[in-house]
Amino acid sequence: MKEIASDKLQLMHIPSADATGHELIRFAHTFNGYEEMGSFEACAAIANHREHSSLDHLRASLFFEARRERHCDDVLDPETLAYWHELVRKIRELVAARET
């Protein structure tokens, strides 16, 4: 998938509640957290502090977590996958609220 600006993000772009890890990673990469947050360090701080105060912060967190996972394990553990699903659920809620 290509990058999608947060103000252009629509529900149809967001994976379903039962999306696979691969689908979540593809979606995570529709947002370049490093660029949007200004640096690797800024994106990492948002993700590590679980700062979910905005759509961009949620997307940056998912992006960073997907990048982190790429450099760690070959298999997503259930706890990580559940956290990713929670981020996507919150993203979906914010986008849905904006679309109504």
N, C-alpha and C. Protein backbone atom coordinates (compact mmCIF):
# COMPACT_ATOMS: atom_id res chain seq x y z
N MET A 1 0.83 -1.18 0.00
CA MET A 1 0.00 0.00 0.00
C MET A 1 0.88 1.25 0.00
N LYS A 2 0.38 2.28 -0.63
CA LYS A 2 1.12 3.54 -0.62
C LYS A 2 0.73 4.32 0.63
N GLU A 3 1.50 5.35 0.92
CA GLU A 3 1.23 6.18 2.09
C GLU A 3 -0.10 6.92 1.92
N ILE A 4 -0.80 7.08 3.04
CA ILE A 4 -2.07 7.78 3.07
C ILE A 4 -2.00 8.80 4.20
N ALA A 5 -2.16 10.06 3.86
CA ALA A 5 -2.16 11.11 4.88
C ALA A 5 -3.33 10.89 5.83
N SER A 6 -3.15 11.24 7.07
CA SER A 6 -4.21 11.01 8.06
C SER A 6 -5.51 11.72 7.71
N ASP A 7 -5.41 12.89 7.11
CA ASP A 7 -6.65 13.60 6.75
C ASP A 7 -7.35 12.98 5.56
N LYS A 8 -6.68 12.07 4.86
CA LYS A 8 -7.28 11.34 3.72
C LYS A 8 -7.66 9.91 4.09
N LEU A 9 -7.28 9.47 5.28
CA LEU A 9 -7.56 8.11 5.71
C LEU A 9 -9.07 7.89 5.86
N GLN A 10 -9.55 6.80 5.28
CA GLN A 10 -10.96 6.44 5.34
C GLN A 10 -11.10 5.05 5.93
N LEU A 11 -12.29 4.75 6.41
CA LEU A 11 -12.54 3.43 7.01
C LEU A 11 -12.17 2.30 6.08
N MET A 12 -12.40 2.48 4.79
CA MET A 12 -12.10 1.41 3.84
C MET A 12 -10.60 1.08 3.78
N HIS A 13 -9.74 1.98 4.24
CA HIS A 13 -8.30 1.74 4.24
C HIS A 13 -7.84 0.94 5.46
N ILE A 14 -8.66 0.89 6.48
CA ILE A 14 -8.26 0.33 7.78
C ILE A 14 -8.61 -1.15 7.84
N PRO A 15 -7.66 -1.99 8.26
CA PRO A 15 -7.93 -3.44 8.34
C PRO A 15 -9.05 -3.76 9.31
N SER A 16 -9.65 -4.90 9.10
CA SER A 16 -10.75 -5.37 9.96
C SER A 16 -10.22 -5.75 11.34
N ALA A 17 -11.16 -5.95 12.24
CA ALA A 17 -10.82 -6.30 13.62
C ALA A 17 -10.09 -7.64 13.74
N ASP A 18 -10.26 -8.51 12.75
CA ASP A 18 -9.59 -9.81 12.79
C ASP A 18 -8.43 -9.91 11.78
N ALA A 19 -7.88 -8.77 11.42
CA ALA A 19 -6.79 -8.73 10.44
C ALA A 19 -5.58 -9.52 10.92
N THR A 20 -4.87 -10.07 9.97
CA THR A 20 -3.65 -10.81 10.29
C THR A 20 -2.52 -9.83 10.58
N GLY A 21 -1.46 -10.34 11.15
CA GLY A 21 -0.27 -9.52 11.39
C GLY A 21 0.25 -8.91 10.11
N HIS A 22 0.25 -9.67 9.04
CA HIS A 22 0.72 -9.17 7.75
C HIS A 22 -0.13 -8.00 7.27
N GLU A 23 -1.45 -8.12 7.42
CA GLU A 23 -2.34 -7.03 7.01
C GLU A 23 -2.10 -5.77 7.84
N LEU A 24 -1.86 -5.95 9.13
CA LEU A 24 -1.60 -4.82 10.00
C LEU A 24 -0.27 -4.14 9.65
N ILE A 25 0.73 -4.93 9.31
CA ILE A 25 2.02 -4.37 8.90
C ILE A 25 1.85 -3.57 7.61
N ARG A 26 1.12 -4.11 6.67
CA ARG A 26 0.87 -3.37 5.41
C ARG A 26 0.20 -2.04 5.70
N PHE A 27 -0.80 -2.06 6.57
CA PHE A 27 -1.48 -0.82 6.93
C PHE A 27 -0.55 0.13 7.67
N ALA A 28 0.25 -0.39 8.57
CA ALA A 28 1.19 0.45 9.34
C ALA A 28 2.08 1.25 8.41
N HIS A 29 2.45 0.66 7.29
CA HIS A 29 3.35 1.34 6.36
C HIS A 29 2.66 2.30 5.41
N THR A 30 1.37 2.56 5.65
CA THR A 30 0.70 3.64 4.91
C THR A 30 0.99 4.98 5.56
N PHE A 31 1.75 4.97 6.64
CA PHE A 31 2.10 6.17 7.39
C PHE A 31 3.58 6.08 7.73
N ASN A 32 4.35 7.08 7.33
CA ASN A 32 5.78 7.09 7.66
C ASN A 32 5.97 7.86 8.96
N GLY A 33 5.98 7.13 10.04
CA GLY A 33 6.09 7.74 11.36
C GLY A 33 7.34 8.56 11.56
N TYR A 34 8.45 8.13 11.00
CA TYR A 34 9.70 8.87 11.14
C TYR A 34 9.55 10.26 10.53
N GLU A 35 9.00 10.29 9.32
CA GLU A 35 8.84 11.56 8.61
C GLU A 35 7.77 12.43 9.26
N GLU A 36 6.64 11.84 9.56
CA GLU A 36 5.52 12.61 10.09
C GLU A 36 5.78 13.15 11.50
N MET A 37 6.53 12.43 12.29
CA MET A 37 6.83 12.88 13.65
C MET A 37 8.12 13.69 13.71
N GLY A 38 8.84 13.74 12.60
CA GLY A 38 10.03 14.58 12.52
C GLY A 38 11.35 13.87 12.64
N SER A 39 11.35 12.66 13.20
CA SER A 39 12.60 11.91 13.32
C SER A 39 12.31 10.51 13.86
N PHE A 40 13.30 9.66 13.75
CA PHE A 40 13.22 8.33 14.35
C PHE A 40 12.99 8.46 15.86
N GLU A 41 13.76 9.34 16.50
CA GLU A 41 13.69 9.51 17.95
C GLU A 41 12.31 9.97 18.41
N ALA A 42 11.72 10.92 17.70
CA ALA A 42 10.40 11.42 18.07
C ALA A 42 9.35 10.33 17.91
N CYS A 43 9.43 9.57 16.84
CA CYS A 43 8.50 8.48 16.61
C CYS A 43 8.66 7.41 17.69
N ALA A 44 9.89 7.08 18.01
CA ALA A 44 10.17 6.08 19.05
C ALA A 44 9.62 6.53 20.40
N ALA A 45 9.78 7.80 20.74
CA ALA A 45 9.28 8.32 22.02
C ALA A 45 7.77 8.18 22.10
N ILE A 46 7.08 8.51 21.02
CA ILE A 46 5.62 8.38 21.00
C ILE A 46 5.22 6.92 21.20
N ALA A 47 5.86 6.03 20.47
CA ALA A 47 5.54 4.60 20.57
C ALA A 47 5.90 4.03 21.94
N ASN A 48 7.08 4.35 22.42
CA ASN A 48 7.54 3.79 23.69
C ASN A 48 6.75 4.30 24.89
N HIS A 49 6.24 5.52 24.80
CA HIS A 49 5.43 6.08 25.89
C HIS A 49 3.94 5.83 25.69
N ARG A 50 3.64 5.13 24.59
CA ARG A 50 2.25 4.81 24.24
C ARG A 50 1.38 6.06 24.32
N GLU A 51 1.89 7.10 23.67
CA GLU A 51 1.20 8.38 23.60
C GLU A 51 0.18 8.31 22.46
N HIS A 52 -1.06 8.11 22.81
CA HIS A 52 -2.11 7.89 21.82
C HIS A 52 -3.10 9.05 21.80
N SER A 53 -2.59 10.26 21.85
CA SER A 53 -3.45 11.44 21.99
C SER A 53 -4.03 11.95 20.67
N SER A 54 -3.62 11.37 19.56
CA SER A 54 -4.13 11.83 18.27
C SER A 54 -4.07 10.69 17.25
N LEU A 55 -4.72 10.91 16.13
CA LEU A 55 -4.68 9.93 15.05
C LEU A 55 -3.23 9.73 14.58
N ASP A 56 -2.49 10.81 14.42
CA ASP A 56 -1.10 10.68 13.98
C ASP A 56 -0.26 9.92 15.00
N HIS A 57 -0.50 10.14 16.28
CA HIS A 57 0.27 9.41 17.29
C HIS A 57 -0.07 7.92 17.29
N LEU A 58 -1.33 7.60 17.11
CA LEU A 58 -1.71 6.19 17.00
C LEU A 58 -1.05 5.55 15.80
N ARG A 59 -1.08 6.24 14.68
CA ARG A 59 -0.48 5.69 13.46
C ARG A 59 1.03 5.59 13.59
N ALA A 60 1.65 6.59 14.23
CA ALA A 60 3.10 6.53 14.45
C ALA A 60 3.45 5.35 15.34
N SER A 61 2.65 5.10 16.35
CA SER A 61 2.90 3.96 17.24
C SER A 61 2.81 2.64 16.49
N LEU A 62 1.78 2.49 15.68
CA LEU A 62 1.64 1.26 14.90
C LEU A 62 2.80 1.10 13.92
N PHE A 63 3.16 2.18 13.25
CA PHE A 63 4.29 2.16 12.32
C PHE A 63 5.56 1.72 13.04
N PHE A 64 5.85 2.36 14.18
CA PHE A 64 7.08 2.04 14.90
C PHE A 64 7.07 0.60 15.41
N GLU A 65 5.94 0.16 15.92
CA GLU A 65 5.85 -1.23 16.40
C GLU A 65 6.07 -2.23 15.27
N ALA A 66 5.52 -1.93 14.10
CA ALA A 66 5.73 -2.81 12.95
C ALA A 66 7.20 -2.84 12.55
N ARG A 67 7.84 -1.68 12.58
CA ARG A 67 9.28 -1.62 12.26
C ARG A 67 10.10 -2.36 13.32
N ARG A 68 9.72 -2.18 14.58
CA ARG A 68 10.43 -2.85 15.68
C ARG A 68 10.32 -4.36 15.52
N GLU A 69 9.13 -4.83 15.23
CA GLU A 69 8.90 -6.27 15.10
C GLU A 69 9.73 -6.85 13.96
N ARG A 70 9.87 -6.09 12.90
CA ARG A 70 10.66 -6.55 11.75
C ARG A 70 12.09 -6.86 12.14
N HIS A 71 12.60 -6.12 13.12
CA HIS A 71 14.00 -6.29 13.53
C HIS A 71 14.15 -7.22 14.73
N CYS A 72 13.05 -7.81 15.17
CA CYS A 72 13.12 -8.68 16.36
C CYS A 72 12.83 -10.13 16.01
N ASP A 73 11.58 -10.49 16.07
CA ASP A 73 11.18 -11.88 15.94
C ASP A 73 10.59 -12.17 14.57
N ASP A 74 10.58 -13.44 14.23
CA ASP A 74 9.96 -13.87 12.98
C ASP A 74 8.46 -14.08 13.15
N VAL A 75 8.03 -14.33 14.38
CA VAL A 75 6.63 -14.64 14.64
C VAL A 75 6.08 -13.62 15.65
N LEU A 76 4.94 -13.06 15.33
CA LEU A 76 4.28 -12.14 16.25
C LEU A 76 3.75 -12.90 17.45
N ASP A 77 4.07 -12.42 18.64
CA ASP A 77 3.49 -13.06 19.82
C ASP A 77 2.07 -12.52 20.01
N PRO A 78 1.21 -13.29 20.68
CA PRO A 78 -0.20 -12.89 20.83
C PRO A 78 -0.39 -11.54 21.52
N GLU A 79 0.47 -11.21 22.47
CA GLU A 79 0.35 -9.93 23.18
C GLU A 79 0.62 -8.76 22.24
N THR A 80 1.64 -8.88 21.41
CA THR A 80 1.95 -7.82 20.45
C THR A 80 0.83 -7.67 19.44
N LEU A 81 0.34 -8.77 18.93
CA LEU A 81 -0.75 -8.72 17.96
C LEU A 81 -2.00 -8.08 18.58
N ALA A 82 -2.29 -8.39 19.82
CA ALA A 82 -3.45 -7.79 20.51
C ALA A 82 -3.26 -6.28 20.65
N TYR A 83 -2.05 -5.84 20.96
CA TYR A 83 -1.78 -4.41 21.07
C TYR A 83 -1.97 -3.73 19.72
N TRP A 84 -1.48 -4.34 18.67
CA TRP A 84 -1.65 -3.77 17.32
C TRP A 84 -3.13 -3.66 16.97
N HIS A 85 -3.90 -4.70 17.30
CA HIS A 85 -5.34 -4.65 17.04
C HIS A 85 -5.99 -3.51 17.83
N GLU A 86 -5.54 -3.29 19.05
CA GLU A 86 -6.08 -2.19 19.86
C GLU A 86 -5.76 -0.84 19.22
N LEU A 87 -4.55 -0.67 18.72
CA LEU A 87 -4.20 0.57 18.02
C LEU A 87 -5.10 0.78 16.81
N VAL A 88 -5.30 -0.25 16.03
CA VAL A 88 -6.14 -0.16 14.83
C VAL A 88 -7.59 0.12 15.21
N ARG A 89 -8.06 -0.47 16.29
CA ARG A 89 -9.43 -0.20 16.75
C ARG A 89 -9.59 1.29 17.08
N LYS A 90 -8.61 1.85 17.77
CA LYS A 90 -8.67 3.27 18.12
C LYS A 90 -8.57 4.15 16.87
N ILE A 91 -7.73 3.77 15.94
CA ILE A 91 -7.64 4.50 14.67
C ILE A 91 -8.99 4.48 13.97
N ARG A 92 -9.60 3.29 13.90
CA ARG A 92 -10.90 3.14 13.26
C ARG A 92 -11.95 4.03 13.92
N GLU A 93 -11.95 4.08 15.24
CA GLU A 93 -12.91 4.92 15.98
C GLU A 93 -12.76 6.40 15.62
N LEU A 94 -11.52 6.88 15.57
CA LEU A 94 -11.29 8.29 15.26
C LEU A 94 -11.71 8.62 13.83
N VAL A 95 -11.39 7.74 12.92
CA VAL A 95 -11.77 7.96 11.52
C VAL A 95 -13.29 7.89 11.36
N ALA A 96 -13.92 6.95 12.02
CA ALA A 96 -15.38 6.82 11.94
C ALA A 96 -16.06 8.07 12.50
N ALA A 97 -15.55 8.59 13.59
CA ALA A 97 -16.14 9.79 14.19
C ALA A 97 -16.01 10.97 13.24
N ARG A 98 -14.93 11.04 12.53
CA ARG A 98 -14.70 12.14 11.59
C ARG A 98 -15.61 12.01 10.36
N GLU A 99 -15.91 10.78 9.96
CA GLU A 99 -16.71 10.55 8.75
C GLU A 99 -18.21 10.75 8.99
N THR A 100 -18.65 10.79 10.26
CA THR A 100 -20.09 10.96 10.51
C THR A 100 -20.48 12.40 10.60
